[in-house]
N, C-alpha and C. Protein backbone atom coordinates (compact mmCIF):
# COMPACT_ATOMS: atom_id res chain seq x y z
N MET A 1 0.93 -1.23 0.02
CA MET A 1 0.21 -0.04 -0.04
C MET A 1 0.85 1.02 -0.03
N LYS A 2 0.52 2.00 -1.06
CA LYS A 2 1.26 3.52 -1.15
C LYS A 2 0.82 4.70 -0.10
N SER A 3 1.77 5.32 0.48
CA SER A 3 1.26 6.40 1.24
C SER A 3 0.85 7.77 0.17
N PRO A 4 0.00 8.39 0.48
CA PRO A 4 -0.37 9.60 -0.35
C PRO A 4 0.96 10.45 -0.25
N ARG A 5 1.05 11.24 -1.31
CA ARG A 5 1.98 12.49 -0.97
C ARG A 5 1.31 13.61 -1.27
N GLY A 6 1.90 14.78 -0.67
CA GLY A 6 1.21 16.06 -0.30
C GLY A 6 0.65 16.39 0.92
N PHE A 7 -0.04 17.35 0.84
CA PHE A 7 -0.75 17.93 2.31
C PHE A 7 -2.07 17.88 1.90
N THR A 8 -2.78 17.70 3.17
CA THR A 8 -4.16 17.55 3.18
C THR A 8 -4.59 19.05 3.04
N LEU A 9 -6.01 19.30 2.91
CA LEU A 9 -6.48 20.57 2.87
C LEU A 9 -6.50 21.27 4.44
N ILE A 10 -6.72 20.19 5.46
CA ILE A 10 -6.74 20.81 6.84
C ILE A 10 -5.31 21.25 7.13
N GLU A 11 -4.27 20.55 6.82
CA GLU A 11 -2.77 20.82 7.11
C GLU A 11 -2.42 22.02 6.36
N LEU A 12 -2.96 22.36 5.19
CA LEU A 12 -2.65 23.51 4.49
C LEU A 12 -3.28 24.74 5.24
N MET A 13 -4.26 24.59 5.77
CA MET A 13 -5.21 25.55 6.26
C MET A 13 -4.58 25.88 7.54
N VAL A 14 -3.92 25.08 8.11
CA VAL A 14 -3.24 25.08 9.60
C VAL A 14 -2.26 26.21 9.54
N VAL A 15 -1.56 25.48 8.35
CA VAL A 15 -0.05 26.32 8.38
C VAL A 15 -0.52 27.71 7.56
N VAL A 16 -1.45 28.14 7.03
CA VAL A 16 -1.76 29.30 6.41
C VAL A 16 -2.08 30.25 7.72
N SER A 17 -3.00 29.61 8.41
CA SER A 17 -3.62 30.30 9.51
C SER A 17 -2.39 30.96 10.61
N ILE A 18 -1.40 29.83 10.65
CA ILE A 18 -0.33 30.53 11.39
C ILE A 18 0.39 31.15 10.86
N ALA A 19 0.75 31.26 9.70
CA ALA A 19 1.37 32.43 8.96
C ALA A 19 0.52 33.57 9.26
N VAL A 20 -0.63 33.66 8.98
CA VAL A 20 -1.59 34.96 9.08
C VAL A 20 -1.23 35.52 10.33
N LEU A 21 -1.33 34.63 11.67
CA LEU A 21 -1.16 35.03 13.06
C LEU A 21 0.23 35.85 13.08
N LEU A 22 1.09 35.06 12.70
CA LEU A 22 2.54 35.68 12.70
C LEU A 22 2.72 37.12 12.24
N MET A 23 2.04 37.34 11.06
CA MET A 23 2.13 38.53 10.51
C MET A 23 1.33 39.73 10.95
N LEU A 24 -0.05 39.21 11.67
CA LEU A 24 -0.59 40.26 12.28
C LEU A 24 0.11 40.68 13.79
N VAL A 25 0.92 39.81 14.42
CA VAL A 25 1.72 40.13 15.36
C VAL A 25 2.91 40.93 15.12
N THR A 26 3.40 40.93 13.97
CA THR A 26 4.40 41.91 13.50
C THR A 26 3.90 43.19 12.81
N LEU A 27 2.86 43.01 12.50
CA LEU A 27 2.34 44.16 11.65
C LEU A 27 2.43 45.73 12.68
N PRO A 28 2.04 45.54 13.92
CA PRO A 28 1.97 46.85 14.45
C PRO A 28 3.45 47.37 14.78
N ASN A 29 4.48 46.59 14.93
CA ASN A 29 5.60 46.94 15.23
C ASN A 29 6.31 47.49 14.05
N LEU A 30 6.02 46.96 12.75
CA LEU A 30 6.11 47.64 11.48
C LEU A 30 5.76 48.97 11.28
N THR A 31 4.21 49.17 11.58
CA THR A 31 3.71 50.49 11.66
C THR A 31 4.21 51.46 12.78
N ASP A 32 4.59 51.05 13.92
CA ASP A 32 5.43 51.97 14.63
C ASP A 32 6.81 52.44 14.10
N LYS A 33 7.23 51.54 13.69
CA LYS A 33 9.08 51.61 12.85
C LYS A 33 8.66 52.86 12.02
N ALA A 34 7.75 52.71 11.14
CA ALA A 34 7.44 53.44 9.92
C ALA A 34 7.23 54.95 10.53
N VAL A 35 6.40 54.95 11.40
CA VAL A 35 6.12 56.63 12.23
C VAL A 35 7.41 56.99 12.64
N ARG A 36 8.10 56.14 13.66
CA ARG A 36 9.28 56.91 14.03
C ARG A 36 10.23 57.26 12.86
N GLU A 37 10.32 56.61 12.02
CA GLU A 37 10.98 57.05 10.63
C GLU A 37 10.78 58.54 10.24
N GLN A 38 9.28 58.65 10.12
CA GLN A 38 8.66 59.96 9.74
C GLN A 38 8.94 60.83 10.76
N VAL A 39 9.24 60.74 12.04
CA VAL A 39 9.34 61.67 13.09
C VAL A 39 10.87 62.28 12.74
N ALA A 40 11.77 61.09 12.78
CA ALA A 40 13.28 61.28 12.67
C ALA A 40 13.51 62.03 11.12
N GLU A 41 12.72 61.91 10.40
CA GLU A 41 12.74 62.79 9.05
C GLU A 41 12.47 64.06 9.20
N ALA A 42 11.69 64.40 10.32
CA ALA A 42 11.34 65.66 10.49
C ALA A 42 12.43 66.49 11.35
N LEU A 43 12.89 65.89 12.16
CA LEU A 43 14.16 66.74 12.86
C LEU A 43 15.05 67.69 12.43
N PRO A 44 15.45 67.18 10.86
CA PRO A 44 16.64 68.09 10.53
C PRO A 44 15.96 69.73 10.12
N LEU A 45 14.52 69.60 10.18
CA LEU A 45 13.96 70.89 10.25
C LEU A 45 14.51 71.96 11.34
N ALA A 46 14.35 71.37 12.43
CA ALA A 46 14.79 72.02 13.59
C ALA A 46 16.04 72.61 13.35
N ASP A 47 16.94 72.07 12.56
CA ASP A 47 18.42 72.45 12.57
C ASP A 47 18.45 73.94 12.13
N ILE A 48 17.40 74.28 11.25
CA ILE A 48 17.39 75.59 10.45
C ILE A 48 17.30 76.85 11.64
N ALA A 49 16.46 76.56 12.84
CA ALA A 49 16.44 77.42 13.83
C ALA A 49 17.35 77.40 14.88
N LYS A 50 18.23 76.36 15.09
CA LYS A 50 19.24 76.20 16.15
C LYS A 50 20.33 77.26 16.07
N ALA A 51 20.97 77.45 15.04
CA ALA A 51 21.91 78.67 14.66
C ALA A 51 21.70 79.93 15.59
N PRO A 52 20.50 80.54 14.83
CA PRO A 52 20.23 81.71 15.34
C PRO A 52 19.88 81.93 16.93
N ILE A 53 19.48 80.62 17.67
CA ILE A 53 19.24 80.48 19.11
C ILE A 53 20.34 80.31 19.68
N GLU A 54 21.17 79.45 19.14
CA GLU A 54 22.50 79.48 19.73
C GLU A 54 23.38 80.54 19.90
N LEU A 55 23.22 81.52 18.67
CA LEU A 55 23.72 82.75 18.39
C LEU A 55 23.52 83.78 19.72
N ALA A 56 21.99 83.77 20.07
CA ALA A 56 21.63 84.74 21.09
C ALA A 56 22.03 84.24 22.28
N TRP A 57 22.28 82.92 22.56
CA TRP A 57 22.71 82.44 23.62
C TRP A 57 24.06 82.93 24.09
N ARG A 58 24.74 82.67 23.10
CA ARG A 58 26.34 82.94 23.47
C ARG A 58 26.58 84.64 23.72
N ALA A 59 25.48 85.29 22.86
CA ALA A 59 25.95 86.73 22.90
C ALA A 59 25.02 87.35 24.08
N SER A 60 24.49 86.38 25.20
CA SER A 60 23.84 86.81 26.44
C SER A 60 22.60 87.52 26.32
N GLN A 61 22.05 87.36 25.11
CA GLN A 61 20.81 87.80 24.84
C GLN A 61 19.68 87.05 24.89
N PRO A 62 18.47 87.32 25.21
CA PRO A 62 17.14 86.66 25.43
C PRO A 62 17.06 85.99 24.27
N LEU A 63 16.60 84.33 24.34
CA LEU A 63 16.46 83.62 23.47
C LEU A 63 15.25 84.45 22.33
N PRO A 64 15.27 83.93 21.31
CA PRO A 64 14.33 84.34 20.07
C PRO A 64 13.03 84.06 20.60
N ALA A 65 11.89 85.04 20.73
CA ALA A 65 10.66 84.88 21.06
C ALA A 65 9.79 84.23 20.03
N ASP A 66 10.07 84.44 18.52
CA ASP A 66 9.21 83.74 17.86
C ASP A 66 10.35 83.57 16.60
N ASN A 67 9.59 83.01 15.35
CA ASN A 67 10.37 83.14 13.78
C ASN A 67 11.01 84.20 13.56
N ALA A 68 10.24 85.68 13.55
CA ALA A 68 10.56 86.62 13.11
C ALA A 68 12.05 87.05 13.71
N ALA A 69 11.94 86.84 15.32
CA ALA A 69 13.01 87.05 16.16
C ALA A 69 14.33 86.48 15.85
N ALA A 70 14.04 85.19 15.27
CA ALA A 70 15.23 84.39 15.10
C ALA A 70 15.72 84.43 13.54
N GLY A 71 15.15 85.62 12.72
CA GLY A 71 15.33 85.80 11.43
C GLY A 71 14.98 84.67 10.48
N LEU A 72 14.03 84.06 11.01
CA LEU A 72 13.31 82.93 10.09
C LEU A 72 12.41 83.29 9.35
N PRO A 73 11.94 82.41 8.24
CA PRO A 73 10.80 82.48 7.46
C PRO A 73 9.53 82.30 8.50
N ALA A 74 8.30 82.62 8.01
CA ALA A 74 7.10 82.55 8.82
C ALA A 74 6.99 80.90 8.99
N ALA A 75 6.19 80.39 10.19
CA ALA A 75 6.36 79.04 10.75
C ALA A 75 5.89 78.10 9.38
N ASP A 76 4.77 78.43 8.67
CA ASP A 76 4.15 77.70 8.15
C ASP A 76 5.16 77.66 6.43
N LYS A 77 6.01 78.28 6.28
CA LYS A 77 6.99 78.15 5.29
C LYS A 77 8.44 77.24 5.56
N ILE A 78 8.44 76.75 6.64
CA ILE A 78 9.18 75.92 7.06
C ILE A 78 8.58 74.29 7.02
N VAL A 79 8.74 73.57 5.96
CA VAL A 79 7.80 72.64 5.89
C VAL A 79 8.62 71.29 5.07
N ASN A 80 8.25 70.23 5.07
CA ASN A 80 8.42 69.00 4.19
C ASN A 80 7.14 68.20 4.05
N GLN A 81 7.35 67.08 3.57
CA GLN A 81 6.42 66.41 3.31
C GLN A 81 5.38 65.96 4.44
N ARG A 82 6.02 65.68 5.69
CA ARG A 82 5.49 65.35 7.04
C ARG A 82 5.22 66.60 7.76
N VAL A 83 5.85 67.64 7.88
CA VAL A 83 5.74 68.50 8.55
C VAL A 83 4.96 70.05 7.66
N VAL A 84 3.77 70.60 8.66
CA VAL A 84 3.17 71.78 8.42
C VAL A 84 3.81 73.02 8.69
N SER A 85 4.48 72.97 9.84
CA SER A 85 5.33 74.45 10.34
C SER A 85 6.13 73.70 11.54
N VAL A 86 7.17 74.88 11.50
CA VAL A 86 8.10 74.76 12.40
C VAL A 86 8.23 76.43 13.06
N THR A 87 7.79 76.33 14.13
CA THR A 87 7.69 77.47 15.08
C THR A 87 8.74 77.69 16.05
N VAL A 88 9.36 78.75 16.12
CA VAL A 88 10.42 79.10 17.40
C VAL A 88 9.57 79.83 18.37
N ALA A 89 9.66 79.56 19.62
CA ALA A 89 8.83 80.18 20.75
C ALA A 89 9.69 80.12 22.00
N GLN A 90 10.28 81.52 22.41
CA GLN A 90 11.00 81.39 23.56
C GLN A 90 12.18 80.62 23.64
N GLY A 91 12.98 80.35 22.50
CA GLY A 91 13.91 79.61 22.11
C GLY A 91 13.54 77.80 21.91
N ALA A 92 12.59 77.37 22.21
CA ALA A 92 11.87 76.30 21.71
C ALA A 92 11.69 75.99 20.58
N ILE A 93 11.68 74.94 19.61
CA ILE A 93 11.54 74.70 18.45
C ILE A 93 10.32 73.73 18.42
N HIS A 94 9.03 74.04 17.80
CA HIS A 94 8.02 73.25 17.80
C HIS A 94 7.57 72.72 16.22
N ILE A 95 7.53 71.49 16.28
CA ILE A 95 7.43 70.72 15.10
C ILE A 95 6.11 70.32 14.86
N LEU A 96 5.41 70.82 13.98
CA LEU A 96 4.02 70.45 13.88
C LEU A 96 3.72 69.46 12.38
N PHE A 97 3.19 68.01 12.95
CA PHE A 97 2.95 67.22 11.84
C PHE A 97 1.71 67.39 11.11
N GLY A 98 1.59 67.03 9.94
CA GLY A 98 0.64 67.22 8.92
C GLY A 98 0.99 66.57 7.83
N GLY A 99 0.31 67.23 6.62
CA GLY A 99 0.70 66.69 5.26
C GLY A 99 0.53 65.53 4.98
N ARG A 100 1.77 64.73 4.63
CA ARG A 100 1.62 63.31 4.30
C ARG A 100 2.00 62.48 5.51
N ALA A 101 2.14 63.11 6.67
CA ALA A 101 2.54 62.16 7.74
C ALA A 101 1.44 61.41 8.02
N HIS A 102 1.95 60.18 8.99
CA HIS A 102 0.95 59.10 9.21
C HIS A 102 -0.15 59.80 10.10
N LYS A 103 -1.25 59.28 9.86
CA LYS A 103 -2.32 59.63 10.61
C LYS A 103 -2.22 59.70 12.21
N GLU A 104 -1.53 58.92 12.62
CA GLU A 104 -1.14 59.14 14.03
C GLU A 104 -0.38 60.33 14.40
N LEU A 105 0.34 61.02 13.47
CA LEU A 105 1.36 61.93 13.81
C LEU A 105 0.51 63.14 13.29
N ALA A 106 -0.64 63.23 12.60
CA ALA A 106 -1.48 64.22 12.06
C ALA A 106 -1.75 65.28 13.19
N GLY A 107 -1.51 66.61 13.33
CA GLY A 107 -1.92 67.52 14.43
C GLY A 107 -1.11 67.50 15.58
N LYS A 108 -0.15 66.49 15.77
CA LYS A 108 0.82 66.25 16.89
C LYS A 108 2.06 67.23 16.73
N VAL A 109 2.65 67.50 17.87
CA VAL A 109 3.72 68.33 18.09
C VAL A 109 5.12 67.68 18.77
N LEU A 110 6.08 68.10 17.92
CA LEU A 110 7.43 67.42 18.84
C LEU A 110 8.26 69.01 18.90
N THR A 111 8.68 68.89 20.32
CA THR A 111 9.45 70.18 20.66
C THR A 111 11.12 69.69 20.97
N VAL A 112 11.99 70.55 20.11
CA VAL A 112 13.11 70.63 20.29
C VAL A 112 13.70 71.76 20.92
N ARG A 113 14.18 71.54 22.33
CA ARG A 113 14.29 72.95 22.96
C ARG A 113 15.81 72.73 23.52
N PRO A 114 16.45 74.00 23.77
CA PRO A 114 17.86 73.87 24.10
C PRO A 114 17.61 73.90 25.73
N ALA A 115 18.89 73.29 26.21
CA ALA A 115 19.61 73.20 27.64
C ALA A 115 20.70 73.87 27.85
N GLY A 116 20.86 74.79 28.81
CA GLY A 116 22.09 75.49 28.92
C GLY A 116 22.64 75.75 30.49
N VAL A 117 23.58 76.01 30.66
CA VAL A 117 24.21 76.53 31.94
C VAL A 117 23.93 77.97 32.11
N GLU A 118 22.96 78.65 32.89
CA GLU A 118 22.54 79.70 32.61
C GLU A 118 23.61 80.59 33.10
N ASP A 119 24.51 80.36 34.25
CA ASP A 119 25.61 81.53 34.66
C ASP A 119 26.78 81.15 33.92
N ALA A 120 26.95 80.18 32.75
CA ALA A 120 28.24 80.15 32.04
C ALA A 120 27.76 79.58 30.33
N ARG A 121 27.28 80.78 30.11
CA ARG A 121 26.99 80.90 28.44
C ARG A 121 28.28 80.56 27.65
N ILE A 122 28.83 80.53 27.96
CA ILE A 122 30.42 80.15 27.14
C ILE A 122 30.02 78.46 26.85
N VAL A 123 29.32 78.02 27.74
CA VAL A 123 29.09 76.31 27.46
C VAL A 123 28.05 76.25 26.55
N PRO A 124 28.26 75.49 25.60
CA PRO A 124 27.48 75.28 24.26
C PRO A 124 25.99 74.72 24.99
N LEU A 125 24.96 74.92 23.96
CA LEU A 125 23.85 74.55 24.16
C LEU A 125 23.59 73.16 24.14
N THR A 126 23.04 72.21 24.74
CA THR A 126 22.69 70.87 24.26
C THR A 126 21.11 70.99 23.88
N TRP A 127 20.76 70.09 22.97
CA TRP A 127 19.71 70.41 22.54
C TRP A 127 18.72 69.00 22.77
N LEU A 128 17.54 69.20 23.40
CA LEU A 128 16.73 68.21 24.04
C LEU A 128 15.72 67.98 23.07
N CYS A 129 15.45 66.72 22.87
CA CYS A 129 14.36 66.49 21.73
C CYS A 129 12.92 65.60 22.69
N GLY A 130 11.86 66.13 22.49
CA GLY A 130 10.79 65.68 23.03
C GLY A 130 10.70 65.76 24.74
N ASN A 131 10.58 64.54 25.38
CA ASN A 131 10.76 64.69 26.71
C ASN A 131 11.82 64.37 27.35
N THR A 132 13.10 64.51 26.40
CA THR A 132 14.57 64.18 27.21
C THR A 132 14.66 65.40 28.28
N ALA A 133 15.36 64.82 29.42
CA ALA A 133 15.75 65.49 30.37
C ALA A 133 16.93 66.02 30.19
N PRO A 134 17.18 67.52 30.75
CA PRO A 134 18.26 67.98 30.45
C PRO A 134 19.49 67.71 31.24
N PRO A 135 20.65 67.48 30.92
CA PRO A 135 21.93 67.04 31.84
C PRO A 135 22.05 67.74 32.99
N ASP A 136 22.71 67.18 33.92
CA ASP A 136 23.00 67.83 35.36
C ASP A 136 23.91 68.88 34.96
N LYS A 137 23.22 70.12 35.93
CA LYS A 137 23.79 71.35 36.19
C LYS A 137 23.38 72.10 34.80
N MET A 138 22.48 71.65 33.73
CA MET A 138 21.73 72.55 32.85
C MET A 138 20.45 72.46 33.20
N ILE A 139 19.86 73.57 32.42
CA ILE A 139 18.41 73.72 32.80
C ILE A 139 17.83 73.90 31.20
N ALA A 140 16.50 73.10 31.00
CA ALA A 140 15.74 73.15 29.99
C ALA A 140 15.14 74.71 29.66
N LEU A 141 15.45 75.10 28.62
CA LEU A 141 14.73 76.63 28.36
C LEU A 141 13.62 76.35 27.15
N GLY A 142 12.56 77.17 27.36
CA GLY A 142 11.46 77.07 26.60
C GLY A 142 10.67 75.91 27.09
N GLN A 143 9.16 76.12 26.41
CA GLN A 143 8.29 75.18 26.84
C GLN A 143 8.20 73.72 26.06
N ASN A 144 8.00 72.72 26.65
CA ASN A 144 8.10 71.39 26.06
C ASN A 144 6.53 70.93 25.72
N ARG A 145 6.30 71.20 24.47
CA ARG A 145 4.74 70.82 24.02
C ARG A 145 4.69 69.63 23.19
N THR A 146 5.71 68.64 23.21
CA THR A 146 5.68 67.65 22.57
C THR A 146 4.17 66.81 23.08
N ASP A 147 3.37 66.28 22.05
CA ASP A 147 2.12 65.57 22.59
C ASP A 147 2.41 64.06 21.95
N LEU A 148 3.44 63.96 21.25
CA LEU A 148 3.46 62.42 20.41
C LEU A 148 3.48 61.37 21.52
N PRO A 149 3.02 60.21 20.91
CA PRO A 149 2.98 59.01 22.04
C PRO A 149 4.64 58.71 22.22
N LEU A 150 4.89 58.23 23.48
CA LEU A 150 6.26 57.74 23.56
C LEU A 150 6.59 56.91 22.57
N LYS A 151 5.84 55.86 22.32
CA LYS A 151 6.08 54.73 21.20
C LYS A 151 6.58 55.30 19.85
N PHE A 152 6.16 56.53 19.35
CA PHE A 152 6.73 57.10 17.96
C PHE A 152 7.79 57.95 18.25
N LEU A 153 8.34 58.21 19.49
CA LEU A 153 9.58 59.25 19.52
C LEU A 153 10.66 58.36 19.18
N PRO A 154 11.68 58.65 18.31
CA PRO A 154 12.88 58.17 18.17
C PRO A 154 13.79 58.03 19.53
N ALA A 155 14.80 56.93 19.74
CA ALA A 155 15.35 56.51 20.85
C ALA A 155 15.86 57.82 21.44
N LYS A 156 16.58 58.83 20.67
CA LYS A 156 17.27 60.04 21.28
C LYS A 156 16.10 61.05 22.04
N CYS A 157 15.04 60.75 21.33
CA CYS A 157 13.89 61.85 21.92
C CYS A 157 13.02 60.90 23.21
N ARG A 158 13.42 59.80 23.66
CA ARG A 158 12.71 59.22 24.75
C ARG A 158 13.24 59.86 26.31
């Protein structure tokens, strides 16, 4: 008597259902990674505003109150595919997501703010992303308006 070769329909369905379950488990992780990459893609826009803020700091002047004081274009002119505006407020840089950003990012803000040693302005500023705490002996300057969920922040912003 010969044994049949191949798979039965039930065996095939079990294998397919296991494969589907594995894909469903990994899908959220892939989505979160894609959203984190979009956030990381937006961070270079903050570099535009860092130079005038650092210049004011070194000159012992007040940090720029807004884009105009920093010598930057209007907030809605600093954009990319994922970002609809970059606003400077009291030295903090607020990145507003929209446009082609993932739906979880739309309308959310990521703040990049300086931290410095108030009585030693010769010490360069350190830039804090999101909810990052300032280093010892430094104080964070400007208001943190970050409202992105923690899972979407890049590692350096957590």
